[in-house]
Amino acid sequence: MERFNALVNRYQQMFKADKVLSLVHRLKHTVIKFGLKKINISYSKISLADIAQKLSLESVEETEQMVAKAIRDGVIDATINHDEQFI
């Protein structure tokens, strides 16, 4: 996601001028949700660190927040084991 953030920062003024900056930010979340869906289908159990690596997220904490939101929103059917750091 570092590359994504760098590109958004680089072209932010152009996105604002075209009035698509919020669309670009939503695109990031949509891609992450789609990736979580694919991972959820492929694995019955996977660590948050592995998910972070597969989705190029910055930290396990950020990954846990994204997974929790995806579960709350009904995007994936899973539970998080906070102690052992897996879903």
N, C-alpha and C. Protein backbone atom coordinates (compact mmCIF):
# COMPACT_ATOMS: atom_id res chain seq x y z
N MET A 1 0.80 -1.19 0.00
CA MET A 1 0.00 0.00 0.00
C MET A 1 0.85 1.27 0.00
N GLU A 2 2.13 1.10 0.29
CA GLU A 2 3.01 2.27 0.27
C GLU A 2 3.06 2.87 -1.13
N ARG A 3 3.12 2.01 -2.15
CA ARG A 3 3.14 2.51 -3.53
C ARG A 3 1.85 3.23 -3.85
N PHE A 4 0.75 2.66 -3.40
CA PHE A 4 -0.56 3.29 -3.63
C PHE A 4 -0.59 4.67 -3.00
N ASN A 5 -0.18 4.76 -1.74
CA ASN A 5 -0.19 6.05 -1.04
C ASN A 5 0.73 7.05 -1.72
N ALA A 6 1.88 6.59 -2.20
CA ALA A 6 2.81 7.48 -2.89
C ALA A 6 2.18 8.01 -4.18
N LEU A 7 1.49 7.15 -4.92
CA LEU A 7 0.83 7.59 -6.16
C LEU A 7 -0.30 8.57 -5.87
N VAL A 8 -1.07 8.29 -4.84
CA VAL A 8 -2.17 9.20 -4.48
C VAL A 8 -1.60 10.56 -4.10
N ASN A 9 -0.54 10.57 -3.29
CA ASN A 9 0.07 11.84 -2.90
C ASN A 9 0.64 12.58 -4.10
N ARG A 10 1.24 11.83 -5.02
CA ARG A 10 1.85 12.44 -6.20
C ARG A 10 0.81 13.11 -7.09
N TYR A 11 -0.33 12.47 -7.27
CA TYR A 11 -1.35 12.97 -8.18
C TYR A 11 -2.57 13.56 -7.46
N GLN A 12 -2.42 13.85 -6.19
CA GLN A 12 -3.54 14.32 -5.38
C GLN A 12 -4.20 15.57 -5.97
N GLN A 13 -3.41 16.52 -6.41
CA GLN A 13 -3.99 17.76 -6.96
C GLN A 13 -4.80 17.47 -8.22
N MET A 14 -4.32 16.56 -9.05
CA MET A 14 -5.05 16.20 -10.26
C MET A 14 -6.36 15.50 -9.91
N PHE A 15 -6.30 14.58 -8.91
CA PHE A 15 -7.52 13.89 -8.47
C PHE A 15 -8.53 14.89 -7.91
N LYS A 16 -8.04 15.87 -7.15
CA LYS A 16 -8.94 16.89 -6.60
C LYS A 16 -9.56 17.71 -7.73
N ALA A 17 -8.75 18.10 -8.70
CA ALA A 17 -9.25 18.90 -9.82
C ALA A 17 -10.31 18.13 -10.61
N ASP A 18 -10.11 16.83 -10.76
CA ASP A 18 -11.08 16.00 -11.48
C ASP A 18 -12.23 15.54 -10.59
N LYS A 19 -12.16 15.89 -9.31
CA LYS A 19 -13.19 15.53 -8.32
C LYS A 19 -13.37 14.02 -8.19
N VAL A 20 -12.23 13.30 -8.17
CA VAL A 20 -12.27 11.85 -8.01
C VAL A 20 -11.40 11.35 -6.85
N LEU A 21 -10.94 12.26 -6.00
CA LEU A 21 -10.05 11.86 -4.91
C LEU A 21 -10.74 10.87 -3.96
N SER A 22 -12.00 11.12 -3.61
CA SER A 22 -12.69 10.20 -2.70
C SER A 22 -12.90 8.85 -3.38
N LEU A 23 -13.13 8.85 -4.68
CA LEU A 23 -13.26 7.60 -5.43
C LEU A 23 -11.96 6.80 -5.37
N VAL A 24 -10.84 7.47 -5.50
CA VAL A 24 -9.53 6.80 -5.44
C VAL A 24 -9.32 6.19 -4.07
N HIS A 25 -9.69 6.90 -3.00
CA HIS A 25 -9.54 6.36 -1.65
C HIS A 25 -10.47 5.15 -1.43
N ARG A 26 -11.68 5.20 -1.96
CA ARG A 26 -12.59 4.07 -1.83
C ARG A 26 -12.09 2.87 -2.62
N LEU A 27 -11.41 3.13 -3.72
CA LEU A 27 -10.86 2.06 -4.54
C LEU A 27 -9.90 1.20 -3.73
N LYS A 28 -9.07 1.83 -2.93
CA LYS A 28 -8.13 1.11 -2.08
C LYS A 28 -8.87 0.14 -1.17
N HIS A 29 -9.91 0.62 -0.52
CA HIS A 29 -10.67 -0.22 0.40
C HIS A 29 -11.41 -1.34 -0.34
N THR A 30 -11.89 -1.05 -1.52
CA THR A 30 -12.58 -2.06 -2.32
C THR A 30 -11.62 -3.18 -2.71
N VAL A 31 -10.41 -2.82 -3.10
CA VAL A 31 -9.40 -3.82 -3.47
C VAL A 31 -9.04 -4.68 -2.27
N ILE A 32 -8.90 -4.07 -1.11
CA ILE A 32 -8.57 -4.81 0.11
C ILE A 32 -9.71 -5.77 0.46
N LYS A 33 -10.95 -5.31 0.37
CA LYS A 33 -12.10 -6.18 0.67
C LYS A 33 -12.15 -7.36 -0.29
N PHE A 34 -11.90 -7.11 -1.57
CA PHE A 34 -11.90 -8.19 -2.55
C PHE A 34 -10.79 -9.20 -2.22
N GLY A 35 -9.63 -8.70 -1.85
CA GLY A 35 -8.52 -9.58 -1.46
C GLY A 35 -8.87 -10.40 -0.24
N LEU A 36 -9.52 -9.79 0.75
CA LEU A 36 -9.95 -10.51 1.94
C LEU A 36 -10.95 -11.61 1.58
N LYS A 37 -11.86 -11.33 0.65
CA LYS A 37 -12.82 -12.34 0.22
C LYS A 37 -12.11 -13.55 -0.37
N LYS A 38 -11.14 -13.28 -1.25
CA LYS A 38 -10.40 -14.37 -1.88
C LYS A 38 -9.62 -15.18 -0.84
N ILE A 39 -9.01 -14.49 0.09
CA ILE A 39 -8.25 -15.17 1.15
C ILE A 39 -9.19 -16.00 2.01
N ASN A 40 -10.34 -15.45 2.36
CA ASN A 40 -11.31 -16.13 3.20
C ASN A 40 -11.81 -17.41 2.53
N ILE A 41 -11.98 -17.37 1.22
CA ILE A 41 -12.42 -18.55 0.48
C ILE A 41 -11.31 -19.60 0.42
N SER A 42 -10.07 -19.15 0.28
CA SER A 42 -8.94 -20.05 0.07
C SER A 42 -8.44 -20.72 1.35
N TYR A 43 -8.57 -20.05 2.49
CA TYR A 43 -7.99 -20.55 3.73
C TYR A 43 -9.07 -20.72 4.79
N SER A 44 -8.98 -21.82 5.52
CA SER A 44 -9.90 -21.98 6.65
C SER A 44 -9.32 -21.31 7.90
N LYS A 45 -7.99 -21.14 7.92
CA LYS A 45 -7.32 -20.48 9.04
C LYS A 45 -6.05 -19.85 8.49
N ILE A 46 -5.86 -18.56 8.79
CA ILE A 46 -4.66 -17.86 8.32
C ILE A 46 -4.30 -16.78 9.32
N SER A 47 -3.02 -16.56 9.49
CA SER A 47 -2.57 -15.56 10.47
C SER A 47 -2.76 -14.15 9.91
N LEU A 48 -2.93 -13.21 10.80
CA LEU A 48 -3.07 -11.81 10.41
C LEU A 48 -1.80 -11.31 9.73
N ALA A 49 -0.65 -11.81 10.18
CA ALA A 49 0.61 -11.41 9.55
C ALA A 49 0.67 -11.87 8.09
N ASP A 50 0.18 -13.08 7.82
CA ASP A 50 0.16 -13.57 6.44
C ASP A 50 -0.80 -12.75 5.58
N ILE A 51 -1.94 -12.37 6.14
CA ILE A 51 -2.88 -11.53 5.41
C ILE A 51 -2.24 -10.18 5.10
N ALA A 52 -1.56 -9.60 6.09
CA ALA A 52 -0.89 -8.32 5.89
C ALA A 52 0.13 -8.41 4.76
N GLN A 53 0.86 -9.51 4.74
CA GLN A 53 1.86 -9.69 3.69
C GLN A 53 1.21 -9.85 2.32
N LYS A 54 0.17 -10.66 2.24
CA LYS A 54 -0.51 -10.91 0.97
C LYS A 54 -1.17 -9.66 0.40
N LEU A 55 -1.70 -8.80 1.28
CA LEU A 55 -2.39 -7.59 0.84
C LEU A 55 -1.50 -6.35 0.89
N SER A 56 -0.24 -6.53 1.23
CA SER A 56 0.73 -5.43 1.33
C SER A 56 0.26 -4.34 2.27
N LEU A 57 -0.29 -4.76 3.41
CA LEU A 57 -0.70 -3.80 4.43
C LEU A 57 0.49 -3.50 5.33
N GLU A 58 0.43 -2.39 6.02
CA GLU A 58 1.59 -1.90 6.74
C GLU A 58 1.86 -2.61 8.07
N SER A 59 0.80 -3.07 8.76
CA SER A 59 1.01 -3.69 10.06
C SER A 59 -0.07 -4.71 10.35
N VAL A 60 0.19 -5.55 11.35
CA VAL A 60 -0.79 -6.53 11.78
C VAL A 60 -1.99 -5.82 12.41
N GLU A 61 -1.74 -4.72 13.10
CA GLU A 61 -2.82 -3.97 13.73
C GLU A 61 -3.76 -3.40 12.68
N GLU A 62 -3.19 -2.84 11.60
CA GLU A 62 -4.02 -2.32 10.51
C GLU A 62 -4.81 -3.45 9.86
N THR A 63 -4.17 -4.59 9.70
CA THR A 63 -4.83 -5.75 9.11
C THR A 63 -5.98 -6.21 9.98
N GLU A 64 -5.76 -6.26 11.29
CA GLU A 64 -6.82 -6.68 12.21
C GLU A 64 -8.02 -5.74 12.12
N GLN A 65 -7.76 -4.45 12.01
CA GLN A 65 -8.85 -3.48 11.89
C GLN A 65 -9.62 -3.67 10.58
N MET A 66 -8.89 -3.90 9.49
CA MET A 66 -9.54 -4.12 8.18
C MET A 66 -10.39 -5.39 8.20
N VAL A 67 -9.84 -6.45 8.79
CA VAL A 67 -10.57 -7.72 8.86
C VAL A 67 -11.81 -7.56 9.73
N ALA A 68 -11.67 -6.89 10.86
CA ALA A 68 -12.81 -6.68 11.75
C ALA A 68 -13.91 -5.89 11.04
N LYS A 69 -13.53 -4.87 10.28
CA LYS A 69 -14.53 -4.09 9.55
C LYS A 69 -15.19 -4.94 8.47
N ALA A 70 -14.42 -5.77 7.78
CA ALA A 70 -14.98 -6.64 6.74
C ALA A 70 -15.96 -7.64 7.35
N ILE A 71 -15.65 -8.14 8.53
CA ILE A 71 -16.57 -9.06 9.23
C ILE A 71 -17.84 -8.33 9.62
N ARG A 72 -17.70 -7.14 10.22
CA ARG A 72 -18.86 -6.33 10.62
C ARG A 72 -19.75 -5.98 9.44
N ASP A 73 -19.13 -5.67 8.29
CA ASP A 73 -19.88 -5.27 7.10
C ASP A 73 -20.46 -6.46 6.34
N GLY A 74 -20.13 -7.68 6.79
CA GLY A 74 -20.65 -8.87 6.12
C GLY A 74 -19.90 -9.25 4.86
N VAL A 75 -18.74 -8.67 4.65
CA VAL A 75 -17.94 -8.98 3.47
C VAL A 75 -17.40 -10.40 3.55
N ILE A 76 -16.94 -10.78 4.75
CA ILE A 76 -16.45 -12.14 4.96
C ILE A 76 -17.12 -12.74 6.19
N ASP A 77 -17.17 -14.06 6.22
CA ASP A 77 -17.71 -14.77 7.36
C ASP A 77 -16.54 -15.40 8.09
N ALA A 78 -16.11 -14.77 9.17
CA ALA A 78 -14.94 -15.23 9.90
C ALA A 78 -14.99 -14.73 11.33
N THR A 79 -14.09 -15.24 12.14
CA THR A 79 -13.89 -14.72 13.49
C THR A 79 -12.40 -14.49 13.67
N ILE A 80 -12.07 -13.53 14.50
CA ILE A 80 -10.67 -13.22 14.78
C ILE A 80 -10.30 -13.79 16.13
N ASN A 81 -9.22 -14.56 16.19
CA ASN A 81 -8.66 -15.03 17.44
C ASN A 81 -7.56 -14.02 17.81
N HIS A 82 -7.88 -13.11 18.72
CA HIS A 82 -6.96 -12.04 19.06
C HIS A 82 -5.70 -12.55 19.77
N ASP A 83 -5.85 -13.58 20.57
CA ASP A 83 -4.71 -14.11 21.32
C ASP A 83 -3.66 -14.71 20.40
N GLU A 84 -4.11 -15.50 19.44
CA GLU A 84 -3.19 -16.21 18.55
C GLU A 84 -2.99 -15.49 17.22
N GLN A 85 -3.68 -14.36 17.01
CA GLN A 85 -3.52 -13.51 15.83
C GLN A 85 -3.79 -14.23 14.51
N PHE A 86 -4.96 -14.88 14.42
CA PHE A 86 -5.37 -15.49 13.15
C PHE A 86 -6.87 -15.37 12.99
N ILE A 87 -7.35 -15.60 11.76
CA ILE A 87 -8.79 -15.61 11.52
C ILE A 87 -9.16 -17.01 11.06
